[in-house]
Structure formats: C-alpha cells, structure tokens
C-alpha cells in the first residue's frame, strides 16, 4: 500500500491573477474521502501545516471522484488519499 501526499502548490490562477494563499492569508484546503484512515491522515497533515508552517488549514470530506476533480481543477489545494494503483482497481 502506498499513500501519497499531493499538494498542488497551494497557488491557483483565476481571472488572470495568481492567488497565493500565503500572501493573501487564505487557508490551505485539503479534501479527503470520509474513510477512517483518510480522516486520520488528513488531520495529521492539517496539524503539521498549522504548527510547522503557521498556516490555517481546512479539511473537506468529499466523494472519491470529487476529491480528484477538485484538486485537478484547482478548487482545493491537496489530498492525502492516493492509494495507487489499487484505489480503483478491479
């Protein structure tokens, strides 16, 4: 089993302007699938971001498909639930 942490750089571009949460004070937004293991992993990452980076962090439980889509579209900053290649095998 592999667990990957994926943060998309916490920078998104909307309407031609770059929005850097570190400069604007926006929290780091992490999505997760509401499984016990992912809830725990996401809370650990949240604690590290808040303590070591002094940044606010928000967690949002979503469905599996929404998790991938929201990070890919830049709506959220990251996720910790990428169990590849077995996550959707079968």
PDB file of N, CA and C in Angstrom:
ATOM      1  N   UNK A   1       0.838  -1.167   0.000  1.00  0.00           N
ATOM      2  CA  UNK A   1       0.000   0.000   0.000  1.00  0.00           C
ATOM      3  C   UNK A   1       0.892   1.242   0.000  1.00  0.00           C
ATOM      4  N   UNK A   2       0.579   2.168  -0.868  1.00  0.00           N
ATOM      5  CA  UNK A   2       1.298   3.434  -0.950  1.00  0.00           C
ATOM      6  C   UNK A   2       0.338   4.556  -0.618  1.00  0.00           C
ATOM      7  N   UNK A   3       0.771   5.466   0.193  1.00  0.00           N
ATOM      8  CA  UNK A   3      -0.022   6.647   0.493  1.00  0.00           C
ATOM      9  C   UNK A   3       0.787   7.853   0.042  1.00  0.00           C
ATOM     10  N   UNK A   4       0.191   8.658  -0.797  1.00  0.00           N
ATOM     11  CA  UNK A   4       0.867   9.831  -1.321  1.00  0.00           C
ATOM     12  C   UNK A   4       0.223  11.094  -0.770  1.00  0.00           C
ATOM     13  N   UNK A   5       1.020  12.086  -0.558  1.00  0.00           N
ATOM     14  CA  UNK A   5       0.511  13.395  -0.181  1.00  0.00           C
ATOM     15  C   UNK A   5       0.629  14.265  -1.419  1.00  0.00           C
ATOM     16  N   UNK A   6      -0.480  14.845  -1.811  1.00  0.00           N
ATOM     17  CA  UNK A   6      -0.486  15.672  -3.003  1.00  0.00           C
ATOM     18  C   UNK A   6      -0.965  17.060  -2.643  1.00  0.00           C
ATOM     19  N   UNK A   7      -0.094  18.024  -2.760  1.00  0.00           N
ATOM     20  CA  UNK A   7      -0.471  19.418  -2.636  1.00  0.00           C
ATOM     21  C   UNK A   7      -0.165  20.060  -3.972  1.00  0.00           C
ATOM     22  N   UNK A   8      -1.108  20.790  -4.485  1.00  0.00           N
ATOM     23  CA  UNK A   8      -0.936  21.352  -5.817  1.00  0.00           C
ATOM     24  C   UNK A   8      -0.205  22.687  -5.783  1.00  0.00           C
ATOM     25  N   UNK A   9       0.624  22.889  -4.807  1.00  0.00           N
ATOM     26  CA  UNK A   9       1.393  24.119  -4.733  1.00  0.00           C
ATOM     27  C   UNK A   9       0.657  25.233  -4.014  1.00  0.00           C
ATOM     28  N   UNK A  10      -0.596  25.006  -3.691  1.00  0.00           N
ATOM     29  CA  UNK A  10      -1.401  25.989  -2.965  1.00  0.00           C
ATOM     30  C   UNK A  10      -1.483  27.316  -3.700  1.00  0.00           C
ATOM     31  N   UNK A  11      -1.293  27.291  -4.993  1.00  0.00           N
ATOM     32  CA  UNK A  11      -1.405  28.500  -5.794  1.00  0.00           C
ATOM     33  C   UNK A  11      -2.390  28.224  -6.916  1.00  0.00           C
ATOM     34  N   UNK A  12      -3.365  29.075  -7.046  1.00  0.00           N
ATOM     35  CA  UNK A  12      -4.330  28.908  -8.128  1.00  0.00           C
ATOM     36  C   UNK A  12      -4.398  30.192  -8.937  1.00  0.00           C
ATOM     37  N   UNK A  13      -4.752  30.053 -10.191  1.00  0.00           N
ATOM     38  CA  UNK A  13      -4.865  31.209 -11.059  1.00  0.00           C
ATOM     39  C   UNK A  13      -6.311  31.360 -11.483  1.00  0.00           C
ATOM     40  N   UNK A  14      -6.913  32.480 -11.154  1.00  0.00           N
ATOM     41  CA  UNK A  14      -8.298  32.748 -11.503  1.00  0.00           C
ATOM     42  C   UNK A  14      -8.375  34.141 -12.106  1.00  0.00           C
ATOM     43  N   UNK A  15      -9.034  34.250 -13.231  1.00  0.00           N
ATOM     44  CA  UNK A  15      -9.216  35.528 -13.918  1.00  0.00           C
ATOM     45  C   UNK A  15      -7.898  36.229 -14.226  1.00  0.00           C
ATOM     46  N   UNK A  16      -6.879  35.441 -14.536  1.00  0.00           N
ATOM     47  CA  UNK A  16      -5.604  36.014 -14.943  1.00  0.00           C
ATOM     48  C   UNK A  16      -4.706  36.448 -13.801  1.00  0.00           C
ATOM     49  N   UNK A  17      -5.167  36.367 -12.564  1.00  0.00           N
ATOM     50  CA  UNK A  17      -4.347  36.774 -11.421  1.00  0.00           C
ATOM     51  C   UNK A  17      -3.954  35.547 -10.621  1.00  0.00           C
ATOM     52  N   UNK A  18      -2.745  35.554 -10.122  1.00  0.00           N
ATOM     53  CA  UNK A  18      -2.278  34.437  -9.304  1.00  0.00           C
ATOM     54  C   UNK A  18      -2.652  34.717  -7.853  1.00  0.00           C
ATOM     55  N   UNK A  19      -3.312  33.750  -7.227  1.00  0.00           N
ATOM     56  CA  UNK A  19      -3.731  33.868  -5.840  1.00  0.00           C
ATOM     57  C   UNK A  19      -2.848  32.966  -4.999  1.00  0.00           C
ATOM     58  N   UNK A  20      -1.961  33.541  -4.219  1.00  0.00           N
ATOM     59  CA  UNK A  20      -1.064  32.787  -3.348  1.00  0.00           C
ATOM     60  C   UNK A  20      -1.618  32.859  -1.927  1.00  0.00           C
ATOM     61  N   UNK A  21      -2.128  31.735  -1.383  1.00  0.00           N
ATOM     62  CA  UNK A  21      -2.729  31.765  -0.057  1.00  0.00           C
ATOM     63  C   UNK A  21      -1.795  32.278   1.034  1.00  0.00           C
ATOM     64  N   UNK A  22      -0.487  32.056   0.880  1.00  0.00           N
ATOM     65  CA  UNK A  22       0.450  32.529   1.893  1.00  0.00           C
ATOM     66  C   UNK A  22       0.455  34.048   1.955  1.00  0.00           C
ATOM     67  N   UNK A  23       0.290  34.702   0.821  1.00  0.00           N
ATOM     68  CA  UNK A  23       0.294  36.152   0.796  1.00  0.00           C
ATOM     69  C   UNK A  23      -1.077  36.725   1.126  1.00  0.00           C
ATOM     70  N   UNK A  24      -2.146  36.027   0.766  1.00  0.00           N
ATOM     71  CA  UNK A  24      -3.493  36.551   0.972  1.00  0.00           C
ATOM     72  C   UNK A  24      -4.095  36.120   2.301  1.00  0.00           C
ATOM     73  N   UNK A  25      -3.467  35.191   3.000  1.00  0.00           N
ATOM     74  CA  UNK A  25      -3.998  34.704   4.256  1.00  0.00           C
ATOM     75  C   UNK A  25      -5.050  33.623   4.101  1.00  0.00           C
ATOM     76  N   UNK A  26      -5.275  33.143   2.886  1.00  0.00           N
ATOM     77  CA  UNK A  26      -6.242  32.072   2.660  1.00  0.00           C
ATOM     78  C   UNK A  26      -5.729  30.776   3.266  1.00  0.00           C
ATOM     79  N   UNK A  27      -6.626  29.962   3.826  1.00  0.00           N
ATOM     80  CA  UNK A  27      -6.184  28.685   4.391  1.00  0.00           C
ATOM     81  C   UNK A  27      -5.825  27.677   3.308  1.00  0.00           C
ATOM     82  N   UNK A  28      -4.967  26.730   3.649  1.00  0.00           N
ATOM     83  CA  UNK A  28      -4.682  25.597   2.777  1.00  0.00           C
ATOM     84  C   UNK A  28      -5.906  24.685   2.857  1.00  0.00           C
ATOM     85  N   UNK A  29      -6.455  24.291   1.713  1.00  0.00           N
ATOM     86  CA  UNK A  29      -7.674  23.479   1.670  1.00  0.00           C
ATOM     87  C   UNK A  29      -7.343  22.057   1.233  1.00  0.00           C
ATOM     88  N   UNK A  30      -7.649  21.099   2.107  1.00  0.00           N
ATOM     89  CA  UNK A  30      -7.369  19.696   1.835  1.00  0.00           C
ATOM     90  C   UNK A  30      -8.686  18.922   1.790  1.00  0.00           C
ATOM     91  N   UNK A  31      -8.868  18.153   0.727  1.00  0.00           N
ATOM     92  CA  UNK A  31     -10.063  17.303   0.599  1.00  0.00           C
ATOM     93  C   UNK A  31      -9.685  15.865   0.925  1.00  0.00           C
ATOM     94  N   UNK A  32     -10.673  15.116   1.420  1.00  0.00           N
ATOM     95  CA  UNK A  32     -10.429  13.713   1.735  1.00  0.00           C
ATOM     96  C   UNK A  32     -11.724  12.932   1.616  1.00  0.00           C
ATOM     97  N   UNK A  33     -11.593  11.638   1.348  1.00  0.00           N
ATOM     98  CA  UNK A  33     -12.734  10.737   1.338  1.00  0.00           C
ATOM     99  C   UNK A  33     -12.981  10.350   2.792  1.00  0.00           C
ATOM    100  N   UNK A  34     -14.223  10.317   3.220  1.00  0.00           N
ATOM    101  CA  UNK A  34     -14.553  10.118   4.632  1.00  0.00           C
ATOM    102  C   UNK A  34     -14.393   8.669   5.070  1.00  0.00           C
ATOM    103  N   UNK A  35     -13.175   8.177   4.953  1.00  0.00           N
ATOM    104  CA  UNK A  35     -12.788   6.869   5.464  1.00  0.00           C
ATOM    105  C   UNK A  35     -11.935   7.141   6.696  1.00  0.00           C
ATOM    106  N   UNK A  36     -11.972   6.245   7.671  1.00  0.00           N
ATOM    107  CA  UNK A  36     -11.236   6.459   8.920  1.00  0.00           C
ATOM    108  C   UNK A  36      -9.759   6.740   8.666  1.00  0.00           C
ATOM    109  N   UNK A  37      -9.136   5.973   7.773  1.00  0.00           N
ATOM    110  CA  UNK A  37      -7.699   6.152   7.518  1.00  0.00           C
ATOM    111  C   UNK A  37      -7.399   7.514   6.898  1.00  0.00           C
ATOM    112  N   UNK A  38      -8.259   7.966   6.010  1.00  0.00           N
ATOM    113  CA  UNK A  38      -8.026   9.249   5.332  1.00  0.00           C
ATOM    114  C   UNK A  38      -8.361  10.424   6.235  1.00  0.00           C
ATOM    115  N   UNK A  39      -9.368  10.245   7.084  1.00  0.00           N
ATOM    116  CA  UNK A  39      -9.694  11.283   8.061  1.00  0.00           C
ATOM    117  C   UNK A  39      -8.504  11.477   8.998  1.00  0.00           C
ATOM    118  N   UNK A  40      -7.925  10.373   9.458  1.00  0.00           N
ATOM    119  CA  UNK A  40      -6.765  10.449  10.355  1.00  0.00           C
ATOM    120  C   UNK A  40      -5.572  11.085   9.650  1.00  0.00           C
ATOM    121  N   UNK A  41      -5.254  10.627   8.440  1.00  0.00           N
ATOM    122  CA  UNK A  41      -4.113  11.173   7.690  1.00  0.00           C
ATOM    123  C   UNK A  41      -4.283  12.659   7.419  1.00  0.00           C
ATOM    124  N   UNK A  42      -5.479  13.046   7.041  1.00  0.00           N
ATOM    125  CA  UNK A  42      -5.746  14.455   6.735  1.00  0.00           C
ATOM    126  C   UNK A  42      -5.585  15.329   7.973  1.00  0.00           C
ATOM    127  N   UNK A  43      -6.019  14.837   9.119  1.00  0.00           N
ATOM    128  CA  UNK A  43      -5.864  15.602  10.358  1.00  0.00           C
ATOM    129  C   UNK A  43      -4.409  15.714  10.777  1.00  0.00           C
ATOM    130  N   UNK A  44      -3.607  14.699  10.516  1.00  0.00           N
ATOM    131  CA  UNK A  44      -2.166  14.781  10.803  1.00  0.00           C
ATOM    132  C   UNK A  44      -1.535  15.862   9.927  1.00  0.00           C
ATOM    133  N   UNK A  45      -1.856  15.845   8.630  1.00  0.00           N
ATOM    134  CA  UNK A  45      -1.308  16.852   7.709  1.00  0.00           C
ATOM    135  C   UNK A  45      -1.767  18.250   8.118  1.00  0.00           C
ATOM    136  N   UNK A  46      -3.031  18.371   8.507  1.00  0.00           N
ATOM    137  CA  UNK A  46      -3.556  19.666   8.964  1.00  0.00           C
ATOM    138  C   UNK A  46      -2.752  20.170  10.156  1.00  0.00           C
ATOM    139  N   UNK A  47      -2.494  19.300  11.124  1.00  0.00           N
ATOM    140  CA  UNK A  47      -1.733  19.692  12.319  1.00  0.00           C
ATOM    141  C   UNK A  47      -0.321  20.137  11.956  1.00  0.00           C
ATOM    142  N   UNK A  48       0.315  19.433  11.035  1.00  0.00           N
ATOM    143  CA  UNK A  48       1.676  19.795  10.609  1.00  0.00           C
ATOM    144  C   UNK A  48       1.674  21.147   9.907  1.00  0.00           C
ATOM    145  N   UNK A  49       0.729  21.357   9.010  1.00  0.00           N
ATOM    146  CA  UNK A  49       0.645  22.640   8.290  1.00  0.00           C
ATOM    147  C   UNK A  49       0.433  23.781   9.272  1.00  0.00           C
ATOM    148  N   UNK A  50      -0.467  23.587  10.229  1.00  0.00           N
ATOM    149  CA  UNK A  50      -0.760  24.656  11.180  1.00  0.00           C
ATOM    150  C   UNK A  50       0.400  24.915  12.142  1.00  0.00           C
ATOM    151  N   UNK A  51       1.039  23.853  12.601  1.00  0.00           N
ATOM    152  CA  UNK A  51       2.123  24.033  13.580  1.00  0.00           C
ATOM    153  C   UNK A  51       3.435  24.435  12.928  1.00  0.00           C
ATOM    154  N   UNK A  52       3.846  23.709  11.900  1.00  0.00           N
ATOM    155  CA  UNK A  52       5.169  23.930  11.317  1.00  0.00           C
ATOM    156  C   UNK A  52       5.202  25.058  10.291  1.00  0.00           C
ATOM    157  N   UNK A  53       4.076  25.299   9.604  1.00  0.00           N
ATOM    158  CA  UNK A  53       4.043  26.349   8.589  1.00  0.00           C
ATOM    159  C   UNK A  53       3.277  27.584   9.049  1.00  0.00           C
ATOM    160  N   UNK A  54       2.677  27.499  10.244  1.00  0.00           N
ATOM    161  CA  UNK A  54       1.879  28.609  10.796  1.00  0.00           C
ATOM    162  C   UNK A  54       0.805  29.080   9.824  1.00  0.00           C
ATOM    163  N   UNK A  55       0.161  28.124   9.195  1.00  0.00           N
ATOM    164  CA  UNK A  55      -0.903  28.418   8.214  1.00  0.00           C
ATOM    165  C   UNK A  55      -2.196  27.780   8.669  1.00  0.00           C
ATOM    166  N   UNK A  56      -3.297  28.434   8.428  1.00  0.00           N
ATOM    167  CA  UNK A  56      -4.597  27.835   8.679  1.00  0.00           C
ATOM    168  C   UNK A  56      -4.816  26.735   7.647  1.00  0.00           C
ATOM    169  N   UNK A  57      -5.571  25.724   8.017  1.00  0.00           N
ATOM    170  CA  UNK A  57      -5.835  24.606   7.120  1.00  0.00           C
ATOM    171  C   UNK A  57      -7.274  24.157   7.310  1.00  0.00           C
ATOM    172  N   UNK A  58      -7.987  23.949   6.203  1.00  0.00           N
ATOM    173  CA  UNK A  58      -9.367  23.475   6.233  1.00  0.00           C
ATOM    174  C   UNK A  58      -9.434  22.083   5.619  1.00  0.00           C
ATOM    175  N   UNK A  59     -10.239  21.218   6.229  1.00  0.00           N
ATOM    176  CA  UNK A  59     -10.483  19.874   5.707  1.00  0.00           C
ATOM    177  C   UNK A  59     -11.911  19.791   5.199  1.00  0.00           C
ATOM    178  N   UNK A  60     -12.081  19.124   4.050  1.00  0.00           N
ATOM    179  CA  UNK A  60     -13.407  18.984   3.454  1.00  0.00           C
ATOM    180  C   UNK A  60     -13.619  17.540   3.017  1.00  0.00           C
ATOM    181  N   UNK A  61     -14.566  16.825   3.654  1.00  0.00           N
ATOM    182  CA  UNK A  61     -14.863  15.458   3.224  1.00  0.00           C
ATOM    183  C   UNK A  61     -15.691  15.475   1.941  1.00  0.00           C
ATOM    184  N   UNK A  62     -15.282  14.679   0.959  1.00  0.00           N
ATOM    185  CA  UNK A  62     -15.976  14.624  -0.329  1.00  0.00           C
ATOM    186  C   UNK A  62     -16.000  13.181  -0.832  1.00  0.00           C
ATOM    187  N   UNK A  63     -16.702  12.957  -1.931  1.00  0.00           N
ATOM    188  CA  UNK A  63     -16.690  11.634  -2.564  1.00  0.00           C
ATOM    189  C   UNK A  63     -15.348  11.434  -3.270  1.00  0.00           C
ATOM    190  N   UNK A  64     -15.072  10.188  -3.628  1.00  0.00           N
ATOM    191  CA  UNK A  64     -13.803   9.858  -4.279  1.00  0.00           C
ATOM    192  C   UNK A  64     -13.606  10.643  -5.573  1.00  0.00           C
ATOM    193  N   UNK A  65     -14.605  10.654  -6.438  1.00  0.00           N
ATOM    194  CA  UNK A  65     -14.490  11.386  -7.707  1.00  0.00           C
ATOM    195  C   UNK A  65     -14.317  12.873  -7.496  1.00  0.00           C
ATOM    196  N   UNK A  66     -15.072  13.438  -6.559  1.00  0.00           N
ATOM    197  CA  UNK A  66     -14.985  14.875  -6.280  1.00  0.00           C
ATOM    198  C   UNK A  66     -13.616  15.252  -5.735  1.00  0.00           C
ATOM    199  N   UNK A  67     -12.995  14.337  -4.980  1.00  0.00           N
ATOM    200  CA  UNK A  67     -11.667  14.605  -4.446  1.00  0.00           C
ATOM    201  C   UNK A  67     -10.672  14.853  -5.581  1.00  0.00           C
ATOM    202  N   UNK A  68     -10.621  13.924  -6.537  1.00  0.00           N
ATOM    203  CA  UNK A  68      -9.696  14.060  -7.666  1.00  0.00           C
ATOM    204  C   UNK A  68     -10.016  15.292  -8.504  1.00  0.00           C
ATOM    205  N   UNK A  69     -11.295  15.504  -8.800  1.00  0.00           N
ATOM    206  CA  UNK A  69     -11.709  16.638  -9.641  1.00  0.00           C
ATOM    207  C   UNK A  69     -11.376  17.976  -8.999  1.00  0.00           C
ATOM    208  N   UNK A  70     -11.648  18.112  -7.704  1.00  0.00           N
ATOM    209  CA  UNK A  70     -11.440  19.410  -7.055  1.00  0.00           C
ATOM    210  C   UNK A  70      -9.963  19.800  -7.007  1.00  0.00           C
ATOM    211  N   UNK A  71      -9.081  18.818  -6.827  1.00  0.00           N
ATOM    212  CA  UNK A  71      -7.647  19.113  -6.836  1.00  0.00           C
ATOM    213  C   UNK A  71      -7.187  19.402  -8.267  1.00  0.00           C
ATOM    214  N   UNK A  72      -7.657  18.602  -9.216  1.00  0.00           N
ATOM    215  CA  UNK A  72      -7.261  18.794 -10.620  1.00  0.00           C
ATOM    216  C   UNK A  72      -7.699  20.153 -11.150  1.00  0.00           C
ATOM    217  N   UNK A  73      -8.868  20.625 -10.716  1.00  0.00           N
ATOM    218  CA  UNK A  73      -9.384  21.911 -11.190  1.00  0.00           C
ATOM    219  C   UNK A  73      -8.847  23.097 -10.400  1.00  0.00           C
ATOM    220  N   UNK A  74      -8.088  22.821  -9.330  1.00  0.00           N
ATOM    221  CA  UNK A  74      -7.522  23.902  -8.532  1.00  0.00           C
ATOM    222  C   UNK A  74      -8.484  24.483  -7.507  1.00  0.00           C
ATOM    223  N   UNK A  75      -9.632  23.825  -7.308  1.00  0.00           N
ATOM    224  CA  UNK A  75     -10.587  24.313  -6.316  1.00  0.00           C
ATOM    225  C   UNK A  75     -10.107  24.044  -4.891  1.00  0.00           C
ATOM    226  N   UNK A  76      -9.322  22.986  -4.714  1.00  0.00           N
ATOM    227  CA  UNK A  76      -8.746  22.633  -3.417  1.00  0.00           C
ATOM    228  C   UNK A  76      -7.234  22.523  -3.602  1.00  0.00           C
ATOM    229  N   UNK A  77      -6.509  22.607  -2.501  1.00  0.00           N
ATOM    230  CA  UNK A  77      -5.053  22.623  -2.586  1.00  0.00           C
ATOM    231  C   UNK A  77      -4.398  21.254  -2.564  1.00  0.00           C
ATOM    232  N   UNK A  78      -5.040  20.263  -1.968  1.00  0.00           N
ATOM    233  CA  UNK A  78      -4.386  18.971  -1.906  1.00  0.00           C
ATOM    234  C   UNK A  78      -5.244  17.884  -1.314  1.00  0.00           C
ATOM    235  N   UNK A  79      -4.647  16.677  -1.237  1.00  0.00           N
ATOM    236  CA  UNK A  79      -5.301  15.498  -0.682  1.00  0.00           C
ATOM    237  C   UNK A  79      -4.222  14.556  -0.185  1.00  0.00           C
ATOM    238  N   UNK A  80      -4.608  13.596   0.640  1.00  0.00           N
ATOM    239  CA  UNK A  80      -3.639  12.620   1.128  1.00  0.00           C
ATOM    240  C   UNK A  80      -4.062  11.196   0.802  1.00  0.00           C
ATOM    241  N   UNK A  81      -5.074  11.023  -0.013  1.00  0.00           N
ATOM    242  CA  UNK A  81      -5.669   9.700  -0.255  1.00  0.00           C
ATOM    243  C   UNK A  81      -5.443   9.198  -1.671  1.00  0.00           C
ATOM    244  N   UNK A  82      -4.225   8.985  -2.042  1.00  0.00           N
ATOM    245  CA  UNK A  82      -3.950   8.458  -3.380  1.00  0.00           C
ATOM    246  C   UNK A  82      -3.305   7.091  -3.236  1.00  0.00           C
ATOM    247  N   UNK A  83      -4.096   6.069  -3.095  1.00  0.00           N
ATOM    248  CA  UNK A  83      -3.593   4.705  -2.962  1.00  0.00           C
ATOM    249  C   UNK A  83      -3.496   4.111  -4.365  1.00  0.00           C
ATOM    250  N   UNK A  84      -2.398   4.378  -5.043  1.00  0.00           N
ATOM    251  CA  UNK A  84      -2.265   3.977  -6.428  1.00  0.00           C
ATOM    252  C   UNK A  84      -1.395   2.735  -6.544  1.00  0.00           C
ATOM    253  N   UNK A  85      -1.660   1.848  -7.444  1.00  0.00           N
ATOM    254  CA  UNK A  85      -2.735   1.845  -8.428  1.00  0.00           C
ATOM    255  C   UNK A  85      -4.005   1.115  -7.950  1.00  0.00           C
ATOM    256  N   UNK A  86      -4.064   0.737  -6.695  1.00  0.00           N
ATOM    257  CA  UNK A  86      -5.156  -0.132  -6.243  1.00  0.00           C
ATOM    258  C   UNK A  86      -6.432   0.577  -5.833  1.00  0.00           C
ATOM    259  N   UNK A  87      -6.455   1.892  -5.744  1.00  0.00           N
ATOM    260  CA  UNK A  87      -7.627   2.604  -5.232  1.00  0.00           C
ATOM    261  C   UNK A  87      -8.890   2.280  -6.006  1.00  0.00           C
ATOM    262  N   UNK A  88      -8.814   2.263  -7.334  1.00  0.00           N
ATOM    263  CA  UNK A  88      -9.989   1.976  -8.141  1.00  0.00           C
ATOM    264  C   UNK A  88      -9.810   0.736  -8.990  1.00  0.00           C
ATOM    265  N   UNK A  89      -8.922  -0.136  -8.580  1.00  0.00           N
ATOM    266  CA  UNK A  89      -8.682  -1.376  -9.339  1.00  0.00           C
ATOM    267  C   UNK A  89      -9.881  -2.305  -9.234  1.00  0.00           C
ATOM    268  N   UNK A  90     -10.051  -3.048 -10.263  1.00  0.00           N
ATOM    269  CA  UNK A  90     -10.988  -4.099 -10.126  1.00  0.00           C
ATOM    270  C   UNK A  90     -12.106  -4.220 -10.997  1.00  0.00           C
TER     271      UNK A  90
END
